[in-house]
C-alpha atoms as a PDB file:
ATOM      1  CA  MET A   1       8.016  32.231  -6.252  1.00  0.00           C
ATOM      2  CA  ASN A   2      10.355  30.794  -8.891  1.00  0.00           C
ATOM      3  CA  HIS A   3       9.047  27.521 -10.326  1.00  0.00           C
ATOM      4  CA  ASN A   4      12.093  26.792 -12.489  1.00  0.00           C
ATOM      5  CA  ALA A   5      13.808  23.641 -11.257  1.00  0.00           C
ATOM      6  CA  THR A   6      17.445  24.032 -10.415  1.00  0.00           C
ATOM      7  CA  GLN A   7      19.868  21.327 -11.455  1.00  0.00           C
ATOM      8  CA  ALA A   8      19.879  20.067  -7.848  1.00  0.00           C
ATOM      9  CA  GLN A   9      16.135  19.485  -8.130  1.00  0.00           C
ATOM     10  CA  ALA A  10      16.129  18.001 -11.634  1.00  0.00           C
ATOM     11  CA  LEU A  11      14.134  14.788 -11.925  1.00  0.00           C
ATOM     12  CA  ILE A  12      14.522  11.919 -14.357  1.00  0.00           C
ATOM     13  CA  PRO A  13      11.654   9.499 -15.049  1.00  0.00           C
ATOM     14  CA  GLN A  14      12.324   5.824 -14.363  1.00  0.00           C
ATOM     15  CA  PRO A  15      12.436   4.714 -18.058  1.00  0.00           C
ATOM     16  CA  ALA A  16      15.072   7.377 -18.803  1.00  0.00           C
ATOM     17  CA  LEU A  17      17.019   6.355 -15.682  1.00  0.00           C
ATOM     18  CA  CYS A  18      17.055   2.752 -16.908  1.00  0.00           C
ATOM     19  CA  ASP A  19      18.472   3.907 -20.254  1.00  0.00           C
ATOM     20  CA  TRP A  20      21.038   6.130 -18.510  1.00  0.00           C
ATOM     21  CA  ILE A  21      22.447   3.429 -16.228  1.00  0.00           C
ATOM     22  CA  GLY A  22      21.992   0.563 -18.687  1.00  0.00           C
ATOM     23  CA  GLN A  23      19.411  -1.426 -16.738  1.00  0.00           C
ATOM     24  CA  THR A  24      16.091  -2.957 -17.654  1.00  0.00           C
ATOM     25  CA  ARG A  25      13.152  -2.176 -15.392  1.00  0.00           C
ATOM     26  CA  SER A  26      13.496  -5.583 -13.697  1.00  0.00           C
ATOM     27  CA  GLY A  27      17.255  -5.030 -13.422  1.00  0.00           C
ATOM     28  CA  LEU A  28      16.618  -1.712 -11.680  1.00  0.00           C
ATOM     29  CA  ASP A  29      14.176  -3.412  -9.290  1.00  0.00           C
ATOM     30  CA  LYS A  30      16.824  -6.019  -8.428  1.00  0.00           C
ATOM     31  CA  LEU A  31      19.450  -3.301  -7.954  1.00  0.00           C
ATOM     32  CA  LYS A  32      17.163  -1.362  -5.584  1.00  0.00           C
ATOM     33  CA  LYS A  33      16.511  -4.522  -3.526  1.00  0.00           C
ATOM     34  CA  LYS A  34      20.194  -5.492  -3.444  1.00  0.00           C
ATOM     35  CA  ASP A  35      21.604  -2.023  -2.683  1.00  0.00           C
ATOM     36  CA  PRO A  36      19.772  -0.059   0.033  1.00  0.00           C
ATOM     37  CA  THR A  37      21.929   2.991  -0.766  1.00  0.00           C
ATOM     38  CA  PHE A  38      20.332   3.375  -4.209  1.00  0.00           C
ATOM     39  CA  PRO A  39      18.284   6.609  -4.308  1.00  0.00           C
ATOM     40  CA  LYS A  40      14.593   6.286  -3.534  1.00  0.00           C
ATOM     41  CA  PRO A  41      12.079   7.381  -6.192  1.00  0.00           C
ATOM     42  CA  ILE A  42       9.653  10.253  -5.859  1.00  0.00           C
ATOM     43  CA  LYS A  43       6.028   9.636  -6.806  1.00  0.00           C
ATOM     44  CA  PHE A  44       3.408  12.335  -7.171  1.00  0.00           C
ATOM     45  CA  SER A  45       0.551   9.947  -6.433  1.00  0.00           C
ATOM     46  CA  SER A  46       0.048   7.174  -3.902  1.00  0.00           C
ATOM     47  CA  THR A  47      -1.171   4.660  -6.482  1.00  0.00           C
ATOM     48  CA  ARG A  48       1.015   1.680  -7.291  1.00  0.00           C
ATOM     49  CA  GLN A  49       1.033   2.623 -10.981  1.00  0.00           C
ATOM     50  CA  ALA A  50       2.201   6.196 -10.337  1.00  0.00           C
ATOM     51  CA  ALA A  51       5.209   7.229 -12.397  1.00  0.00           C
ATOM     52  CA  ALA A  52       8.497   7.140 -10.474  1.00  0.00           C
ATOM     53  CA  TYR A  53      11.046   9.929 -10.784  1.00  0.00           C
ATOM     54  CA  TYR A  54      14.584  10.097  -9.413  1.00  0.00           C
ATOM     55  CA  VAL A  55      16.586  13.147  -8.327  1.00  0.00           C
ATOM     56  CA  VAL A  56      19.431  13.416 -10.843  1.00  0.00           C
ATOM     57  CA  THR A  57      22.003  14.653  -8.300  1.00  0.00           C
ATOM     58  CA  GLU A  58      21.193  11.734  -5.959  1.00  0.00           C
ATOM     59  CA  VAL A  59      21.753   9.240  -8.779  1.00  0.00           C
ATOM     60  CA  GLU A  60      24.980  11.002  -9.770  1.00  0.00           C
ATOM     61  CA  ALA A  61      26.198  10.845  -6.154  1.00  0.00           C
ATOM     62  CA  TRP A  62      25.319   7.134  -5.961  1.00  0.00           C
ATOM     63  CA  LEU A  63      27.190   6.472  -9.217  1.00  0.00           C
ATOM     64  CA  ALA A  64      30.215   8.389  -7.884  1.00  0.00           C
ATOM     65  CA  SER A  65      30.161   6.257  -4.719  1.00  0.00           C
ATOM     66  CA  GLN A  66      30.062   3.081  -6.820  1.00  0.00           C
ATOM     67  CA  ILE A  67      33.049   4.295  -8.859  1.00  0.00           C
ATOM     68  CA  ALA A  68      34.936   5.127  -5.633  1.00  0.00           C
ATOM     69  CA  LYS A  69      34.203   1.634  -4.234  1.00  0.00           C
ATOM     70  CA  ARG A  70      35.440   0.082  -7.467  1.00  0.00           C
ATOM     71  CA  ASP A  71      38.605   2.179  -7.443  1.00  0.00           C
ATOM     72  CA  GLN A  72      39.319   1.293  -3.782  1.00  0.00           C
ATOM     73  CA  ALA A  73      38.877  -2.398  -4.562  1.00  0.00           C
ATOM     74  CA  VAL A  74      41.283  -2.140  -7.517  1.00  0.00           C
ATOM     75  CA  ALA A  75      43.867  -0.255  -5.415  1.00  0.00           C
ATOM     76  CA  ALA A  76      43.683  -2.795  -2.572  1.00  0.00           C
END
């Protein structure tokens, strides 16, 4: 079995995601509440304090959808 993660399976920890998309942790929480299409995190433990990771390709797809919405709004 190959344990190397492919790019489609690559994970980014929540603090790095915040840096990447320019949000604070509280800003990310507000974004997740406001936009139900935002990718859901993966946690490897059921505890509330467990680190949250996001699938990079899901975040990229969400960002692309936000750009498309923006571009449609500008074109309208």
